[in-house]
Amino acid sequence: MDEQNGSLVRMDEKNGSLVRMDEQNGSLVRMDGDDQEYPKYTSVDGDDLPSFADLFTQQSDEEVNRIIDNKQDEAGPSTIDIDELNERKSQWMEYMAELKKNSKPSPPTKYTKVYRLKGHKSDGCIISWAYFNDLSCYAIKREKGIQYFRYPHDFKTLPAFEVNQLARLKLLYSESSGLSEWFERQLLYEYRKKWVNFKPQIPTRYIHKEKVHPITKKPLIVLKWKPPTIMKKIPLRKMIQDFSGQFKWWYYDGRTGEAVIVLCKEGSWETIRVFDPLWLTNLSEQDVTTLYKCQPFFEVADIDQALQYVKVIRICFAFDIHAGVNWKTRTKEMLKTN
């Protein structure tokens, strides 16, 4: 919602663009640019990010701080003015209050004690899931990572208790594809009918030959889960470039598990929603610096998820990783020299 003139800004799910309502004739006006307006959207098409993942896990906070300190003289002040920051935070709080007033998304469901998690390895509980028409894939956001799925039937390889949770969660951006809309409805139907046609993974039960249960004294039962069928490469999404002149603030939206970059130009407000923190590597160099200097706002309960975006931006700023840069060469050099 535009705070100054009340015009509605939303995502057009059919083509993935931002639109606003024209107050004069009531028509929808596209707000974000096309590929020609923002040509620098990716570094190497079709590749994954193995070297960046290595850099993300191997570099300590002390090492990143040392590199950033060496760059401060060139980059200028490391943060924006405190008065300006407080003003932006006040605007964000009003912005979030308005969003919560006009929308009531279903909160993420939590695992319950009836689920038997022993033997199952994952990157934490599910926060949200989404379908991205431009990437032709589904994504599940967890507490410590994101899994990408190419086809609906790949979800059968997930444990049954996790598919149960997905059925109770809203599939973000499902309106962008008829197949994803159908899959969301079908998954909820199968959940209510106790999985008649769509059957998720059930663990194989093994009786341990040596270990016994400490209370019942019976042989211990071991559950074996097969790993899910997921995409091996991280798909990088096209990102709007050079928005620093329109930047207002960015924050973590705990309702959807996304970082949201808020822009304003001549009274027109728009947002860029970032589902995967690694998509921030596709921003321009100036935009990376802008997000680094203005830390994201977030609610206390979402601090762990918000800090994942902060860490990616810090590494991008420290090692000059941005759209148009061969990040594989860059990160390999950094891993060798640090």
Protein backbone atom coordinates (compact mmCIF):
# COMPACT_ATOMS: atom_id res chain seq x y z
CA MET A 1 0.00 0.00 0.00
CA ASP A 2 1.36 3.41 -0.98
CA GLU A 3 1.59 5.39 2.25
CA GLN A 4 1.49 8.78 0.56
CA ASN A 5 -1.39 8.54 -1.91
CA GLY A 6 -3.06 5.27 -1.01
CA SER A 7 -2.53 3.59 -4.40
CA LEU A 8 -2.38 -0.19 -4.32
CA VAL A 9 0.88 -1.89 -5.30
CA ARG A 10 0.91 -5.65 -5.82
CA MET A 11 2.55 -8.47 -7.79
CA ASP A 12 0.96 -9.50 -11.09
CA GLU A 13 1.21 -13.27 -10.68
CA LYS A 14 0.67 -14.01 -14.39
CA ASN A 15 3.91 -12.41 -15.53
CA GLY A 16 5.73 -11.84 -12.24
CA SER A 17 5.82 -8.04 -12.58
CA LEU A 18 4.96 -5.32 -10.10
CA VAL A 19 1.85 -3.30 -10.89
CA ARG A 20 -0.04 -0.42 -9.30
CA MET A 21 -3.55 0.91 -9.72
CA ASP A 22 -3.80 4.10 -11.78
CA GLU A 23 -6.08 6.40 -9.79
CA GLN A 24 -7.32 8.30 -12.86
CA ASN A 25 -8.66 5.46 -14.99
CA GLY A 26 -8.51 2.49 -12.61
CA SER A 27 -6.16 0.49 -14.83
CA LEU A 28 -3.14 -1.51 -13.76
CA VAL A 29 0.23 0.00 -14.65
CA ARG A 30 3.39 -2.13 -14.79
CA MET A 31 6.10 -0.71 -12.54
CA ASP A 32 9.24 -2.80 -12.93
CA GLY A 33 11.34 -2.84 -16.07
CA ASP A 34 11.92 -5.46 -18.72
CA ASP A 35 15.13 -7.33 -19.55
CA GLN A 36 16.38 -4.51 -21.76
CA GLU A 37 16.00 -1.94 -19.01
CA TYR A 38 17.80 -4.19 -16.51
CA PRO A 39 20.22 -6.25 -18.65
CA LYS A 40 22.77 -7.16 -15.94
CA TYR A 41 20.80 -9.85 -14.17
CA THR A 42 23.11 -12.85 -13.97
CA SER A 43 26.76 -13.82 -13.94
CA VAL A 44 26.91 -17.28 -15.50
CA ASP A 45 23.67 -18.77 -16.81
CA GLY A 46 22.94 -22.39 -16.01
CA ASP A 47 25.60 -22.85 -13.33
CA ASP A 48 25.21 -23.53 -9.64
CA LEU A 49 27.09 -21.81 -6.84
CA PRO A 50 29.53 -24.35 -5.39
CA SER A 51 32.38 -21.92 -4.85
CA PHE A 52 30.14 -19.31 -3.25
CA ALA A 53 28.71 -21.96 -0.94
CA ASP A 54 32.25 -22.87 0.09
CA LEU A 55 33.03 -19.22 0.76
CA PHE A 56 29.81 -18.83 2.72
CA THR A 57 30.62 -21.72 5.05
CA GLN A 58 34.41 -21.40 5.35
CA GLN A 59 34.86 -17.68 5.96
CA SER A 60 34.61 -16.71 9.62
CA ASP A 61 33.00 -13.50 10.79
CA GLU A 62 36.42 -12.23 11.90
CA GLU A 63 37.88 -12.73 8.43
CA VAL A 64 34.95 -10.97 6.73
CA ASN A 65 35.20 -8.10 9.24
CA ARG A 66 38.91 -7.72 8.49
CA ILE A 67 38.29 -7.48 4.75
CA ILE A 68 35.40 -5.04 5.23
CA ASP A 69 37.52 -2.82 7.50
CA ASN A 70 40.11 -2.59 4.73
CA LYS A 71 37.43 -1.39 2.31
CA GLN A 72 35.85 1.25 4.52
CA ASP A 73 38.08 4.08 3.29
CA GLU A 74 37.04 3.42 -0.30
CA ALA A 75 33.36 2.76 0.37
CA GLY A 76 32.77 5.69 2.71
CA PRO A 77 30.67 5.45 5.89
CA SER A 78 29.74 1.88 6.72
CA THR A 79 26.20 2.79 7.79
CA ILE A 80 23.69 5.53 7.13
CA ASP A 81 23.10 8.41 9.53
CA ILE A 82 21.43 7.35 12.80
CA ASP A 83 18.66 9.94 12.49
CA GLU A 84 17.86 8.79 8.98
CA LEU A 85 17.89 5.18 10.15
CA ASN A 86 15.42 5.93 12.95
CA GLU A 87 13.15 7.71 10.49
CA ARG A 88 13.22 4.75 8.13
CA LYS A 89 12.50 2.37 10.99
CA SER A 90 9.49 4.45 12.01
CA GLN A 91 8.22 4.35 8.41
CA TRP A 92 8.78 0.60 8.27
CA MET A 93 6.79 0.02 11.47
CA GLU A 94 3.86 1.99 10.02
CA TYR A 95 4.26 0.09 6.75
CA MET A 96 4.16 -3.30 8.49
CA ALA A 97 1.18 -2.30 10.63
CA GLU A 98 -0.71 -1.45 7.46
CA LEU A 99 0.27 -4.75 5.81
CA LYS A 100 -0.81 -6.82 8.79
CA LYS A 101 -4.09 -4.92 8.98
CA ASN A 102 -4.98 -5.65 5.35
CA SER A 103 -3.72 -9.22 5.06
CA LYS A 104 -4.01 -12.30 7.21
CA PRO A 105 -1.68 -15.01 5.81
CA SER A 106 -1.73 -18.42 7.38
CA PRO A 107 1.19 -18.75 9.81
CA PRO A 108 3.63 -21.60 9.19
CA THR A 109 2.56 -24.81 10.88
CA LYS A 110 4.86 -26.44 13.41
CA TYR A 111 5.92 -30.02 13.84
CA THR A 112 4.06 -31.80 16.62
CA LYS A 113 5.25 -34.48 18.98
CA VAL A 114 3.35 -37.23 17.17
CA TYR A 115 5.81 -37.07 14.28
CA ARG A 116 8.69 -39.50 14.55
CA LEU A 117 11.71 -37.54 13.37
CA LYS A 118 14.41 -39.94 14.49
CA GLY A 119 16.67 -40.86 11.60
CA HIS A 120 15.42 -38.04 9.34
CA LYS A 121 18.01 -35.46 8.31
CA SER A 122 17.00 -32.04 6.97
CA ASP A 123 17.91 -28.37 7.16
CA GLY A 124 15.30 -27.66 9.82
CA CYS A 125 11.56 -27.13 9.89
CA ILE A 126 9.69 -25.84 6.84
CA ILE A 127 8.99 -22.09 6.89
CA SER A 128 7.25 -21.58 3.52
CA TRP A 129 7.18 -22.83 -0.04
CA ALA A 130 6.69 -21.19 -3.42
CA TYR A 131 6.48 -21.73 -7.17
CA PHE A 132 8.52 -19.54 -9.52
CA ASN A 133 7.18 -19.53 -13.05
CA ASP A 134 10.26 -17.81 -14.51
CA LEU A 135 12.51 -20.53 -13.02
CA SER A 136 10.05 -23.38 -13.69
CA CYS A 137 10.58 -24.89 -10.26
CA TYR A 138 9.24 -25.15 -6.72
CA ALA A 139 11.19 -24.12 -3.61
CA ILE A 140 10.89 -25.05 0.06
CA LYS A 141 12.42 -22.67 2.56
CA ARG A 142 13.70 -24.29 5.74
CA GLU A 143 15.33 -22.87 8.83
CA LYS A 144 18.84 -23.53 7.50
CA GLY A 145 18.50 -23.76 3.74
CA ILE A 146 16.33 -23.99 0.63
CA GLN A 147 15.44 -27.04 -1.47
CA TYR A 148 14.41 -26.74 -5.13
CA PHE A 149 12.09 -29.23 -6.85
CA ARG A 150 11.57 -29.41 -10.62
CA TYR A 151 8.31 -31.42 -10.80
CA PRO A 152 5.27 -31.90 -8.53
CA HIS A 153 5.82 -35.65 -8.28
CA ASP A 154 9.25 -34.98 -6.73
CA PHE A 155 7.42 -34.05 -3.52
CA LYS A 156 6.51 -37.72 -3.12
CA THR A 157 10.12 -38.29 -2.08
CA LEU A 158 9.64 -36.11 1.02
CA PRO A 159 8.63 -37.69 4.35
CA ALA A 160 4.88 -37.93 4.84
CA PHE A 161 4.85 -35.59 7.85
CA GLU A 162 6.54 -32.85 5.78
CA VAL A 163 4.09 -33.22 2.89
CA ASN A 164 1.31 -32.94 5.47
CA GLN A 165 2.76 -29.60 6.50
CA LEU A 166 3.06 -28.36 2.91
CA ALA A 167 -0.60 -29.18 2.32
CA ARG A 168 -1.55 -26.85 5.19
CA LEU A 169 0.66 -24.01 3.97
CA LYS A 170 -0.21 -21.54 1.21
CA LEU A 171 1.88 -22.09 -1.94
CA LEU A 172 3.31 -18.66 -2.71
CA TYR A 173 2.89 -17.39 -6.29
CA SER A 174 0.86 -20.43 -7.34
CA GLU A 175 -1.35 -18.10 -9.43
CA SER A 176 1.48 -17.69 -11.94
CA SER A 177 0.90 -21.19 -13.33
CA GLY A 178 -2.18 -23.30 -13.88
CA LEU A 179 -0.24 -26.45 -13.02
CA SER A 180 0.95 -25.07 -9.69
CA GLU A 181 -2.59 -23.95 -8.81
CA TRP A 182 -3.88 -27.43 -9.59
CA PHE A 183 -1.06 -29.06 -7.60
CA GLU A 184 -1.80 -26.93 -4.53
CA ARG A 185 -5.49 -27.89 -4.64
CA GLN A 186 -4.69 -31.55 -5.32
CA LEU A 187 -2.20 -31.73 -2.45
CA LEU A 188 -4.77 -30.37 -0.02
CA TYR A 189 -7.38 -32.81 -1.36
CA GLU A 190 -5.02 -35.77 -0.96
CA TYR A 191 -4.13 -34.64 2.56
CA ARG A 192 -7.80 -34.58 3.55
CA LYS A 193 -8.38 -37.98 1.92
CA LYS A 194 -5.33 -39.51 3.65
CA TRP A 195 -3.20 -39.78 0.50
CA VAL A 196 -5.19 -41.98 -1.85
CA ASN A 197 -3.27 -41.33 -5.10
CA PHE A 198 -0.38 -39.09 -4.02
CA LYS A 199 1.61 -41.19 -1.56
CA PRO A 200 4.57 -39.51 0.22
CA GLN A 201 7.59 -41.40 1.47
CA ILE A 202 7.15 -43.75 4.40
CA PRO A 203 10.33 -44.81 6.22
CA THR A 204 11.60 -48.34 6.15
CA ARG A 205 11.60 -49.92 9.60
CA TYR A 206 14.56 -51.98 10.76
CA ILE A 207 14.93 -53.87 14.02
CA HIS A 208 18.35 -53.31 15.55
CA LYS A 209 20.08 -56.57 16.34
CA GLU A 210 22.11 -55.31 19.31
CA LYS A 211 20.57 -52.16 20.82
CA VAL A 212 17.45 -52.31 22.98
CA HIS A 213 15.05 -49.63 24.16
CA PRO A 214 16.06 -48.41 27.66
CA ILE A 215 12.50 -48.56 29.01
CA THR A 216 10.68 -51.35 27.15
CA LYS A 217 13.85 -53.50 26.86
CA LYS A 218 12.69 -54.51 23.39
CA PRO A 219 14.95 -54.37 20.30
CA LEU A 220 15.33 -50.81 19.09
CA ILE A 221 13.47 -49.90 15.87
CA VAL A 222 15.46 -47.83 13.37
CA LEU A 223 13.76 -45.72 10.67
CA LYS A 224 15.55 -45.30 7.32
CA TRP A 225 14.61 -42.33 5.12
CA LYS A 226 15.68 -41.97 1.49
CA PRO A 227 16.99 -38.52 0.45
CA PRO A 228 14.44 -36.43 -1.51
CA THR A 229 14.73 -35.79 -5.24
CA ILE A 230 15.85 -32.16 -5.45
CA MET A 231 17.60 -29.96 -8.00
CA LYS A 232 21.38 -30.11 -7.74
CA LYS A 233 21.92 -26.58 -9.06
CA ILE A 234 20.74 -23.37 -7.43
CA PRO A 235 18.63 -21.39 -9.93
CA LEU A 236 19.49 -17.69 -9.93
CA ARG A 237 16.56 -15.35 -10.48
CA LYS A 238 16.72 -12.16 -12.51
CA MET A 239 16.98 -9.14 -10.22
CA ILE A 240 16.18 -5.50 -10.88
CA GLN A 241 19.40 -3.53 -11.17
CA ASP A 242 20.54 -0.08 -10.02
CA PHE A 243 17.64 0.73 -7.68
CA SER A 244 19.76 2.54 -5.08
CA GLY A 245 18.32 5.94 -5.99
CA GLN A 246 14.81 4.66 -5.22
CA PHE A 247 15.74 2.61 -2.14
CA LYS A 248 13.82 3.26 1.10
CA TRP A 249 14.53 0.25 3.33
CA TRP A 250 14.48 -3.54 3.32
CA TYR A 251 13.09 -5.99 5.85
CA TYR A 252 12.47 -9.66 6.51
CA ASP A 253 8.83 -10.70 6.11
CA GLY A 254 8.22 -13.51 8.58
CA ARG A 255 4.81 -14.19 7.04
CA THR A 256 6.32 -15.54 3.80
CA GLY A 257 9.98 -16.10 4.72
CA GLU A 258 11.26 -13.53 2.23
CA ALA A 259 13.41 -10.43 2.32
CA VAL A 260 11.54 -7.44 0.89
CA ILE A 261 13.29 -4.44 -0.67
CA VAL A 262 11.03 -1.37 -0.65
CA LEU A 263 11.53 1.28 -3.34
CA CYS A 264 9.84 4.63 -3.94
CA LYS A 265 10.13 6.88 -7.00
CA GLU A 266 8.02 10.02 -7.44
CA GLY A 267 5.34 8.78 -5.06
CA SER A 268 5.13 5.29 -6.62
CA TRP A 269 6.02 2.47 -4.26
CA GLU A 270 7.18 -0.98 -5.32
CA THR A 271 8.79 -4.01 -3.72
CA ILE A 272 11.34 -6.65 -4.66
CA ARG A 273 10.79 -9.93 -2.84
CA VAL A 274 13.82 -12.20 -2.36
CA PHE A 275 12.99 -15.80 -1.43
CA ASP A 276 16.54 -17.19 -1.58
CA PRO A 277 19.35 -15.19 0.11
CA LEU A 278 21.76 -16.28 -2.65
CA TRP A 279 19.70 -14.31 -5.19
CA LEU A 280 21.28 -11.21 -3.67
CA THR A 281 24.46 -12.17 -5.56
CA ASN A 282 22.63 -11.04 -8.70
CA LEU A 283 22.34 -7.41 -7.60
CA SER A 284 24.49 -4.65 -9.05
CA GLU A 285 27.60 -3.53 -7.20
CA GLN A 286 26.00 -0.26 -6.07
CA ASP A 287 22.87 -2.05 -4.84
CA VAL A 288 24.98 -4.49 -2.81
CA THR A 289 26.70 -1.52 -1.15
CA THR A 290 23.34 0.13 -0.47
CA LEU A 291 21.91 -2.95 1.26
CA TYR A 292 25.13 -3.40 3.22
CA LYS A 293 24.99 0.14 4.59
CA CYS A 294 21.30 -0.11 5.55
CA GLN A 295 20.74 -3.23 7.63
CA PRO A 296 17.34 -4.95 7.23
CA PHE A 297 14.52 -4.47 9.70
CA PHE A 298 12.97 -7.58 11.24
CA GLU A 299 10.95 -8.75 14.18
CA VAL A 300 12.76 -10.40 17.06
CA ALA A 301 11.32 -13.83 16.32
CA ASP A 302 12.76 -13.71 12.78
CA ILE A 303 16.33 -12.76 13.69
CA ASP A 304 17.93 -16.06 12.62
CA GLN A 305 16.38 -15.94 9.14
CA ALA A 306 17.08 -12.23 8.67
CA LEU A 307 20.76 -12.71 9.54
CA GLN A 308 21.12 -15.19 6.66
CA TYR A 309 20.43 -12.34 4.22
CA VAL A 310 22.77 -10.07 6.16
CA LYS A 311 25.61 -12.59 5.92
CA VAL A 312 25.18 -12.99 2.16
CA ILE A 313 25.25 -9.21 1.65
CA ARG A 314 28.34 -8.88 3.87
CA ILE A 315 30.19 -11.53 1.87
CA CYS A 316 29.09 -9.99 -1.44
CA PHE A 317 30.34 -6.59 -0.24
CA ALA A 318 33.59 -7.96 1.14
CA PHE A 319 34.56 -10.03 -1.91
CA ASP A 320 33.02 -7.81 -4.63
CA ILE A 321 30.45 -10.40 -5.69
CA HIS A 322 27.64 -8.93 -7.80
CA ALA A 323 25.87 -9.27 -11.16
CA GLY A 324 28.25 -9.19 -14.09
CA VAL A 325 31.16 -10.66 -12.12
CA ASN A 326 32.52 -14.15 -12.62
CA TRP A 327 31.93 -15.12 -9.01
CA LYS A 328 33.49 -18.56 -9.50
CA THR A 329 36.87 -17.06 -10.29
CA ARG A 330 36.44 -14.43 -7.58
CA THR A 331 35.57 -16.86 -4.79
CA LYS A 332 38.25 -19.37 -5.79
CA GLU A 333 40.84 -16.61 -5.53
CA MET A 334 39.54 -15.59 -2.12
CA LEU A 335 39.53 -19.15 -0.83
CA LYS A 336 43.17 -19.56 -1.89
CA THR A 337 44.42 -16.29 -0.45
CA ASN A 338 42.53 -16.30 2.88
